[in-house]
C-alpha atoms as a PDB file:
ATOM      1  CA  UNK A   1       0.000   0.000   0.000  1.00  0.00           C
ATOM      2  CA  UNK A   2       1.267   3.466  -0.891  1.00  0.00           C
ATOM      3  CA  UNK A   3       1.961   5.573   2.167  1.00  0.00           C
ATOM      4  CA  UNK A   4      -0.020   8.671   3.130  1.00  0.00           C
ATOM      5  CA  UNK A   5       1.960  11.890   2.749  1.00  0.00           C
ATOM      6  CA  UNK A   6       0.931  13.213   6.166  1.00  0.00           C
ATOM      7  CA  UNK A   7      -0.793  11.744   9.194  1.00  0.00           C
ATOM      8  CA  UNK A   8      -2.154  13.556  12.234  1.00  0.00           C
ATOM      9  CA  UNK A   9      -2.688  12.132  15.730  1.00  0.00           C
ATOM     10  CA  UNK A  10      -5.109  13.865  18.115  1.00  0.00           C
ATOM     11  CA  UNK A  11      -5.010  12.696  21.739  1.00  0.00           C
ATOM     12  CA  UNK A  12      -7.761  12.610  24.315  1.00  0.00           C
ATOM     13  CA  UNK A  13      -8.004  15.178  27.088  1.00  0.00           C
ATOM     14  CA  UNK A  14     -11.580  16.344  27.649  1.00  0.00           C
ATOM     15  CA  UNK A  15     -12.125  20.017  26.916  1.00  0.00           C
ATOM     16  CA  UNK A  16      -8.358  20.417  26.626  1.00  0.00           C
ATOM     17  CA  UNK A  17      -9.054  18.954  23.191  1.00  0.00           C
ATOM     18  CA  UNK A  18      -9.935  22.510  22.166  1.00  0.00           C
ATOM     19  CA  UNK A  19      -6.152  22.918  21.820  1.00  0.00           C
ATOM     20  CA  UNK A  20      -6.424  20.616  18.794  1.00  0.00           C
ATOM     21  CA  UNK A  21      -8.640  23.224  17.171  1.00  0.00           C
ATOM     22  CA  UNK A  22      -5.982  25.870  17.756  1.00  0.00           C
ATOM     23  CA  UNK A  23      -3.383  23.596  16.151  1.00  0.00           C
ATOM     24  CA  UNK A  24      -5.637  22.995  13.138  1.00  0.00           C
ATOM     25  CA  UNK A  25      -6.058  26.746  12.722  1.00  0.00           C
ATOM     26  CA  UNK A  26      -2.286  27.203  12.557  1.00  0.00           C
ATOM     27  CA  UNK A  27      -1.870  24.271  10.164  1.00  0.00           C
ATOM     28  CA  UNK A  28      -4.523  25.768   7.877  1.00  0.00           C
ATOM     29  CA  UNK A  29      -2.581  29.044   7.809  1.00  0.00           C
ATOM     30  CA  UNK A  30       0.442  27.075   6.623  1.00  0.00           C
ATOM     31  CA  UNK A  31      -1.636  25.104   4.092  1.00  0.00           C
ATOM     32  CA  UNK A  32      -0.807  21.869   5.902  1.00  0.00           C
ATOM     33  CA  UNK A  33      -3.548  19.271   5.556  1.00  0.00           C
ATOM     34  CA  UNK A  34      -3.351  15.710   6.790  1.00  0.00           C
ATOM     35  CA  UNK A  35      -4.388  12.740   4.664  1.00  0.00           C
ATOM     36  CA  UNK A  36      -5.205  10.467   7.603  1.00  0.00           C
ATOM     37  CA  UNK A  37      -6.131  11.110  11.248  1.00  0.00           C
ATOM     38  CA  UNK A  38      -5.938   8.822  14.268  1.00  0.00           C
ATOM     39  CA  UNK A  39      -8.045  10.237  17.082  1.00  0.00           C
ATOM     40  CA  UNK A  40      -9.063   9.414  20.631  1.00  0.00           C
ATOM     41  CA  UNK A  41     -11.815  10.793  22.862  1.00  0.00           C
ATOM     42  CA  UNK A  42     -11.895  14.604  22.582  1.00  0.00           C
ATOM     43  CA  UNK A  43      -9.578  14.239  19.613  1.00  0.00           C
ATOM     44  CA  UNK A  44     -12.281  12.195  17.885  1.00  0.00           C
ATOM     45  CA  UNK A  45     -14.736  15.089  18.188  1.00  0.00           C
ATOM     46  CA  UNK A  46     -12.194  17.449  16.656  1.00  0.00           C
ATOM     47  CA  UNK A  47     -11.176  14.977  13.955  1.00  0.00           C
ATOM     48  CA  UNK A  48     -14.764  14.291  12.908  1.00  0.00           C
ATOM     49  CA  UNK A  49     -15.632  18.004  12.762  1.00  0.00           C
ATOM     50  CA  UNK A  50     -12.453  18.647  10.787  1.00  0.00           C
ATOM     51  CA  UNK A  51     -13.447  15.826   8.446  1.00  0.00           C
ATOM     52  CA  UNK A  52     -16.703  17.589   7.488  1.00  0.00           C
ATOM     53  CA  UNK A  53     -14.898  20.841   6.787  1.00  0.00           C
ATOM     54  CA  UNK A  54     -15.241  22.693  10.083  1.00  0.00           C
ATOM     55  CA  UNK A  55     -12.543  25.273  10.802  1.00  0.00           C
ATOM     56  CA  UNK A  56     -10.634  25.529  14.066  1.00  0.00           C
ATOM     57  CA  UNK A  57     -12.864  28.440  15.089  1.00  0.00           C
ATOM     58  CA  UNK A  58     -15.980  26.402  14.262  1.00  0.00           C
ATOM     59  CA  UNK A  59     -14.705  23.601  16.478  1.00  0.00           C
ATOM     60  CA  UNK A  60     -14.066  26.038  19.328  1.00  0.00           C
ATOM     61  CA  UNK A  61     -17.662  27.261  18.995  1.00  0.00           C
ATOM     62  CA  UNK A  62     -18.904  23.659  19.119  1.00  0.00           C
ATOM     63  CA  UNK A  63     -17.111  23.027  22.420  1.00  0.00           C
ATOM     64  CA  UNK A  64     -18.562  26.254  23.810  1.00  0.00           C
ATOM     65  CA  UNK A  65     -22.069  25.032  22.946  1.00  0.00           C
ATOM     66  CA  UNK A  66     -21.794  21.715  24.790  1.00  0.00           C
ATOM     67  CA  UNK A  67     -22.572  21.309  28.469  1.00  0.00           C
ATOM     68  CA  UNK A  68     -22.698  17.654  29.437  1.00  0.00           C
ATOM     69  CA  UNK A  69     -23.383  18.215  33.130  1.00  0.00           C
ATOM     70  CA  UNK A  70     -26.846  19.679  32.675  1.00  0.00           C
ATOM     71  CA  UNK A  71     -29.153  18.036  35.229  1.00  0.00           C
ATOM     72  CA  UNK A  72     -31.258  16.625  32.386  1.00  0.00           C
ATOM     73  CA  UNK A  73     -28.272  14.579  31.230  1.00  0.00           C
ATOM     74  CA  UNK A  74     -27.757  12.680  34.478  1.00  0.00           C
ATOM     75  CA  UNK A  75     -28.383   8.937  34.434  1.00  0.00           C
ATOM     76  CA  UNK A  76     -30.014   7.019  37.265  1.00  0.00           C
ATOM     77  CA  UNK A  77     -29.345   3.383  38.148  1.00  0.00           C
ATOM     78  CA  UNK A  78     -26.780   3.227  35.331  1.00  0.00           C
ATOM     79  CA  UNK A  79     -22.993   2.547  35.358  1.00  0.00           C
ATOM     80  CA  UNK A  80     -22.145   6.223  34.963  1.00  0.00           C
ATOM     81  CA  UNK A  81     -23.224   9.706  36.025  1.00  0.00           C
ATOM     82  CA  UNK A  82     -24.091  11.112  32.610  1.00  0.00           C
ATOM     83  CA  UNK A  83     -26.012   9.452  29.778  1.00  0.00           C
ATOM     84  CA  UNK A  84     -23.765   8.820  26.774  1.00  0.00           C
ATOM     85  CA  UNK A  85     -26.706   8.874  24.355  1.00  0.00           C
ATOM     86  CA  UNK A  86     -27.360  12.530  25.235  1.00  0.00           C
ATOM     87  CA  UNK A  87     -24.200  13.390  23.269  1.00  0.00           C
ATOM     88  CA  UNK A  88     -26.052  12.505  20.077  1.00  0.00           C
ATOM     89  CA  UNK A  89     -28.186  15.643  20.590  1.00  0.00           C
ATOM     90  CA  UNK A  90     -25.053  17.671  19.836  1.00  0.00           C
ATOM     91  CA  UNK A  91     -23.564  15.401  17.180  1.00  0.00           C
ATOM     92  CA  UNK A  92     -26.532  14.170  15.151  1.00  0.00           C
ATOM     93  CA  UNK A  93     -27.542  17.578  13.736  1.00  0.00           C
ATOM     94  CA  UNK A  94     -24.055  17.799  12.210  1.00  0.00           C
ATOM     95  CA  UNK A  95     -23.393  14.219  11.097  1.00  0.00           C
ATOM     96  CA  UNK A  96     -26.809  12.539  10.900  1.00  0.00           C
ATOM     97  CA  UNK A  97     -26.237   8.907   9.807  1.00  0.00           C
ATOM     98  CA  UNK A  98     -23.009   9.711   7.973  1.00  0.00           C
ATOM     99  CA  UNK A  99     -20.323   7.038   8.054  1.00  0.00           C
ATOM    100  CA  UNK A 100     -16.614   7.627   8.517  1.00  0.00           C
ATOM    101  CA  UNK A 101     -15.988   6.388   4.990  1.00  0.00           C
ATOM    102  CA  UNK A 102     -18.108   9.212   3.573  1.00  0.00           C
ATOM    103  CA  UNK A 103     -15.671  11.847   4.841  1.00  0.00           C
ATOM    104  CA  UNK A 104     -13.180  13.440   2.455  1.00  0.00           C
ATOM    105  CA  UNK A 105     -10.381  12.459   4.835  1.00  0.00           C
ATOM    106  CA  UNK A 106      -9.298   9.096   6.214  1.00  0.00           C
ATOM    107  CA  UNK A 107     -10.323   8.997   9.870  1.00  0.00           C
ATOM    108  CA  UNK A 108      -9.672   6.332  12.497  1.00  0.00           C
ATOM    109  CA  UNK A 109     -11.321   6.673  15.918  1.00  0.00           C
ATOM    110  CA  UNK A 110     -10.194   4.661  18.936  1.00  0.00           C
ATOM    111  CA  UNK A 111     -12.483   3.249  21.632  1.00  0.00           C
ATOM    112  CA  UNK A 112     -12.214   0.515  24.270  1.00  0.00           C
ATOM    113  CA  UNK A 113     -14.532  -2.504  24.172  1.00  0.00           C
ATOM    114  CA  UNK A 114     -15.066  -3.242  27.852  1.00  0.00           C
ATOM    115  CA  UNK A 115     -16.151  -6.879  27.715  1.00  0.00           C
ATOM    116  CA  UNK A 116     -13.252  -8.152  25.599  1.00  0.00           C
ATOM    117  CA  UNK A 117     -10.822  -5.527  26.877  1.00  0.00           C
ATOM    118  CA  UNK A 118      -9.694  -4.867  23.322  1.00  0.00           C
ATOM    119  CA  UNK A 119      -9.105  -1.709  21.343  1.00  0.00           C
ATOM    120  CA  UNK A 120     -11.629  -0.904  18.641  1.00  0.00           C
ATOM    121  CA  UNK A 121     -10.729   1.176  15.614  1.00  0.00           C
ATOM    122  CA  UNK A 122     -13.846   2.747  14.116  1.00  0.00           C
ATOM    123  CA  UNK A 123     -13.484   3.503  10.398  1.00  0.00           C
ATOM    124  CA  UNK A 124     -15.092   2.914   7.010  1.00  0.00           C
ATOM    125  CA  UNK A 125     -18.738   1.901   7.356  1.00  0.00           C
ATOM    126  CA  UNK A 126     -18.984   2.788  11.062  1.00  0.00           C
ATOM    127  CA  UNK A 127     -21.273   5.717  11.846  1.00  0.00           C
ATOM    128  CA  UNK A 128     -19.487   8.867  12.956  1.00  0.00           C
ATOM    129  CA  UNK A 129     -21.895   9.549  15.825  1.00  0.00           C
ATOM    130  CA  UNK A 130     -21.441   6.033  17.211  1.00  0.00           C
ATOM    131  CA  UNK A 131     -17.662   6.225  16.928  1.00  0.00           C
ATOM    132  CA  UNK A 132     -17.340   9.604  18.620  1.00  0.00           C
ATOM    133  CA  UNK A 133     -19.677   8.776  21.503  1.00  0.00           C
ATOM    134  CA  UNK A 134     -17.952   5.432  22.070  1.00  0.00           C
ATOM    135  CA  UNK A 135     -14.527   7.077  22.107  1.00  0.00           C
ATOM    136  CA  UNK A 136     -15.632   9.831  24.512  1.00  0.00           C
ATOM    137  CA  UNK A 137     -17.464   7.751  27.129  1.00  0.00           C
ATOM    138  CA  UNK A 138     -15.262   8.394  30.175  1.00  0.00           C
ATOM    139  CA  UNK A 139     -15.351   5.528  32.728  1.00  0.00           C
ATOM    140  CA  UNK A 140     -17.083   6.448  35.965  1.00  0.00           C
ATOM    141  CA  UNK A 141     -18.446   9.655  34.432  1.00  0.00           C
ATOM    142  CA  UNK A 142     -20.306   8.595  31.305  1.00  0.00           C
ATOM    143  CA  UNK A 143     -22.480   5.520  30.873  1.00  0.00           C
ATOM    144  CA  UNK A 144     -20.696   3.062  28.519  1.00  0.00           C
ATOM    145  CA  UNK A 145     -22.034   3.230  24.975  1.00  0.00           C
ATOM    146  CA  UNK A 146     -23.588   0.191  23.345  1.00  0.00           C
ATOM    147  CA  UNK A 147     -23.130  -0.511  19.631  1.00  0.00           C
ATOM    148  CA  UNK A 148     -24.716  -3.794  18.605  1.00  0.00           C
ATOM    149  CA  UNK A 149     -23.672  -6.317  21.241  1.00  0.00           C
ATOM    150  CA  UNK A 150     -20.552  -4.459  22.307  1.00  0.00           C
ATOM    151  CA  UNK A 151     -20.026  -2.031  25.189  1.00  0.00           C
ATOM    152  CA  UNK A 152     -17.636   0.843  24.598  1.00  0.00           C
ATOM    153  CA  UNK A 153     -15.749   3.212  26.824  1.00  0.00           C
ATOM    154  CA  UNK A 154     -13.207   5.972  26.308  1.00  0.00           C
ATOM    155  CA  UNK A 155     -10.415   5.157  23.875  1.00  0.00           C
ATOM    156  CA  UNK A 156      -7.982   6.670  26.354  1.00  0.00           C
ATOM    157  CA  UNK A 157      -8.329   3.629  28.597  1.00  0.00           C
ATOM    158  CA  UNK A 158      -6.044   1.727  26.218  1.00  0.00           C
ATOM    159  CA  UNK A 159      -4.638   4.257  23.759  1.00  0.00           C
ATOM    160  CA  UNK A 160      -4.893   7.957  24.491  1.00  0.00           C
ATOM    161  CA  UNK A 161      -2.350   8.896  21.817  1.00  0.00           C
ATOM    162  CA  UNK A 162      -2.922   6.444  18.942  1.00  0.00           C
ATOM    163  CA  UNK A 163       0.171   7.208  16.878  1.00  0.00           C
ATOM    164  CA  UNK A 164       0.933   3.488  16.756  1.00  0.00           C
ATOM    165  CA  UNK A 165      -1.996   2.680  14.480  1.00  0.00           C
ATOM    166  CA  UNK A 166      -0.912   4.889  11.552  1.00  0.00           C
ATOM    167  CA  UNK A 167       2.777   5.759  11.862  1.00  0.00           C
ATOM    168  CA  UNK A 168       3.931   2.935   9.576  1.00  0.00           C
ATOM    169  CA  UNK A 169       1.489   4.118   6.903  1.00  0.00           C
ATOM    170  CA  UNK A 170       2.667   7.748   6.808  1.00  0.00           C
ATOM    171  CA  UNK A 171       5.665   9.458   5.237  1.00  0.00           C
ATOM    172  CA  UNK A 172       5.357  12.207   7.875  1.00  0.00           C
ATOM    173  CA  UNK A 173       3.419  12.211  11.151  1.00  0.00           C
ATOM    174  CA  UNK A 174       2.307  15.079  13.383  1.00  0.00           C
ATOM    175  CA  UNK A 175       1.152  14.305  16.915  1.00  0.00           C
ATOM    176  CA  UNK A 176      -0.862  16.650  19.132  1.00  0.00           C
ATOM    177  CA  UNK A 177      -0.852  15.705  22.815  1.00  0.00           C
ATOM    178  CA  UNK A 178      -3.063  17.714  25.166  1.00  0.00           C
ATOM    179  CA  UNK A 179      -2.731  15.735  28.420  1.00  0.00           C
ATOM    180  CA  UNK A 180       0.691  16.605  29.892  1.00  0.00           C
ATOM    181  CA  UNK A 181       1.095  15.892  33.631  1.00  0.00           C
ATOM    182  CA  UNK A 182       1.045  18.760  36.093  1.00  0.00           C
ATOM    183  CA  UNK A 183       4.136  20.021  37.854  1.00  0.00           C
ATOM    184  CA  UNK A 184       3.519  19.404  41.565  1.00  0.00           C
ATOM    185  CA  UNK A 185       5.307  19.917  44.860  1.00  0.00           C
ATOM    186  CA  UNK A 186       5.378  17.614  47.864  1.00  0.00           C
ATOM    187  CA  UNK A 187       2.859  19.802  49.685  1.00  0.00           C
ATOM    188  CA  UNK A 188       0.367  19.395  46.817  1.00  0.00           C
ATOM    189  CA  UNK A 189       0.017  15.647  47.447  1.00  0.00           C
ATOM    190  CA  UNK A 190      -1.770  15.790  50.795  1.00  0.00           C
ATOM    191  CA  UNK A 191      -5.137  14.171  50.095  1.00  0.00           C
ATOM    192  CA  UNK A 192      -6.353  10.812  48.827  1.00  0.00           C
ATOM    193  CA  UNK A 193      -7.748  12.490  45.722  1.00  0.00           C
ATOM    194  CA  UNK A 194      -4.518  14.345  44.913  1.00  0.00           C
ATOM    195  CA  UNK A 195      -2.393  11.198  45.257  1.00  0.00           C
ATOM    196  CA  UNK A 196      -4.686   8.940  43.225  1.00  0.00           C
ATOM    197  CA  UNK A 197      -5.131  11.621  40.551  1.00  0.00           C
ATOM    198  CA  UNK A 198      -1.361  12.061  40.328  1.00  0.00           C
ATOM    199  CA  UNK A 199      -0.761   8.311  40.107  1.00  0.00           C
ATOM    200  CA  UNK A 200      -3.314   7.875  37.312  1.00  0.00           C
ATOM    201  CA  UNK A 201      -1.941  10.907  35.478  1.00  0.00           C
ATOM    202  CA  UNK A 202       1.626   9.586  35.575  1.00  0.00           C
ATOM    203  CA  UNK A 203       0.570   6.071  34.589  1.00  0.00           C
ATOM    204  CA  UNK A 204      -1.344   7.367  31.572  1.00  0.00           C
ATOM    205  CA  UNK A 205       1.426   9.740  30.520  1.00  0.00           C
ATOM    206  CA  UNK A 206       4.131   7.085  30.761  1.00  0.00           C
ATOM    207  CA  UNK A 207       2.058   4.756  28.594  1.00  0.00           C
ATOM    208  CA  UNK A 208       1.831   7.357  25.832  1.00  0.00           C
ATOM    209  CA  UNK A 209       5.119   9.281  25.693  1.00  0.00           C
ATOM    210  CA  UNK A 210       7.115   6.507  24.031  1.00  0.00           C
ATOM    211  CA  UNK A 211       4.887   6.995  20.979  1.00  0.00           C
ATOM    212  CA  UNK A 212       6.176  10.543  20.582  1.00  0.00           C
ATOM    213  CA  UNK A 213       9.157   8.951  18.831  1.00  0.00           C
ATOM    214  CA  UNK A 214       6.830   7.813  16.034  1.00  0.00           C
ATOM    215  CA  UNK A 215       6.130  11.453  15.173  1.00  0.00           C
ATOM    216  CA  UNK A 216       8.139  13.884  13.088  1.00  0.00           C
ATOM    217  CA  UNK A 217       6.519  16.778  14.955  1.00  0.00           C
ATOM    218  CA  UNK A 218       4.965  16.609  18.418  1.00  0.00           C
ATOM    219  CA  UNK A 219       2.841  19.583  19.468  1.00  0.00           C
ATOM    220  CA  UNK A 220       2.114  19.928  23.174  1.00  0.00           C
ATOM    221  CA  UNK A 221       2.352  22.454  26.009  1.00  0.00           C
ATOM    222  CA  UNK A 222       2.809  22.125  29.759  1.00  0.00           C
ATOM    223  CA  UNK A 223       0.403  25.051  30.103  1.00  0.00           C
ATOM    224  CA  UNK A 224      -2.461  22.667  29.367  1.00  0.00           C
ATOM    225  CA  UNK A 225      -1.839  20.928  32.699  1.00  0.00           C
ATOM    226  CA  UNK A 226      -3.353  23.995  34.380  1.00  0.00           C
ATOM    227  CA  UNK A 227      -6.762  23.260  32.855  1.00  0.00           C
ATOM    228  CA  UNK A 228      -9.355  20.686  33.813  1.00  0.00           C
ATOM    229  CA  UNK A 229     -10.993  17.937  31.816  1.00  0.00           C
ATOM    230  CA  UNK A 230     -14.400  19.635  31.966  1.00  0.00           C
ATOM    231  CA  UNK A 231     -13.787  23.345  31.470  1.00  0.00           C
ATOM    232  CA  UNK A 232     -16.999  25.233  30.819  1.00  0.00           C
ATOM    233  CA  UNK A 233     -16.269  28.972  30.745  1.00  0.00           C
ATOM    234  CA  UNK A 234     -15.854  30.462  27.280  1.00  0.00           C
ATOM    235  CA  UNK A 235     -12.753  32.436  28.240  1.00  0.00           C
ATOM    236  CA  UNK A 236     -11.055  29.278  29.541  1.00  0.00           C
ATOM    237  CA  UNK A 237     -11.814  27.420  26.306  1.00  0.00           C
ATOM    238  CA  UNK A 238     -10.455  30.349  24.298  1.00  0.00           C
ATOM    239  CA  UNK A 239      -7.259  30.229  26.373  1.00  0.00           C
ATOM    240  CA  UNK A 240      -6.879  26.514  25.616  1.00  0.00           C
ATOM    241  CA  UNK A 241      -7.432  27.205  21.909  1.00  0.00           C
ATOM    242  CA  UNK A 242      -4.699  29.860  21.983  1.00  0.00           C
ATOM    243  CA  UNK A 243      -2.297  27.518  23.791  1.00  0.00           C
ATOM    244  CA  UNK A 244      -2.731  24.955  21.006  1.00  0.00           C
ATOM    245  CA  UNK A 245      -2.260  27.564  18.307  1.00  0.00           C
ATOM    246  CA  UNK A 246       0.872  29.001  19.910  1.00  0.00           C
ATOM    247  CA  UNK A 247       2.347  25.572  20.672  1.00  0.00           C
ATOM    248  CA  UNK A 248       2.103  24.759  16.962  1.00  0.00           C
ATOM    249  CA  UNK A 249       3.454  28.144  15.922  1.00  0.00           C
ATOM    250  CA  UNK A 250       6.391  28.062  18.343  1.00  0.00           C
ATOM    251  CA  UNK A 251       7.518  24.579  17.300  1.00  0.00           C
ATOM    252  CA  UNK A 252       6.827  24.858  13.565  1.00  0.00           C
ATOM    253  CA  UNK A 253      10.313  25.886  12.484  1.00  0.00           C
ATOM    254  CA  UNK A 254      11.823  22.622  13.735  1.00  0.00           C
ATOM    255  CA  UNK A 255       9.324  20.662  11.619  1.00  0.00           C
ATOM    256  CA  UNK A 256       9.706  22.868   8.548  1.00  0.00           C
ATOM    257  CA  UNK A 257      13.507  22.512   8.330  1.00  0.00           C
END
């Protein structure tokens, strides 16, 4: 198979995924367009919107419009706080029953099948709405999403930065990673929550950073560690967008050489 000229990897990271939109805005200014995308969780939202022609600014506006923690979205007697199917109210008006294969770009979306414990790559004939919801269903927060006889949870459980699934197929690969660990001091780790959060953060980060070596250009910023997974305020989302844009701009020269 002939290799793609350029691949793009978009990590998970909740609303920090808005940084992906900032990166896409910078890439558009440089007339850089990927041929294939590998996306996880929040990255899958961005990748799908990008695939139907939405600009970085359009994607920022989409994130501003979404509020998952509305009381009407809460699930009762379910294995999660928030109903995953509610997400379709935001996605279906854009994608309807469109499949991934109908996009003008090659898109691969990662999710975790909970029963088998295996990674699922949504592509081709899979519906975009199903793929995105499956990839974004955060364990313990969102009710797992059922497609057919399979139960899906966040792709980040197994592969938050899915560079490994496309790097061999690309001549060049750009990776955007929006989940860097926080810088902490000893005094910051003084509660059960802070210690368990730190442990999970480090475990996840260590699992992903080796895949940076698959990329010709890795775009990330430690500034993103100062933002939460569920930012809601418009000004905070705009700040995240700007961090992504500037991270791409500041590191571009190394890639362009």
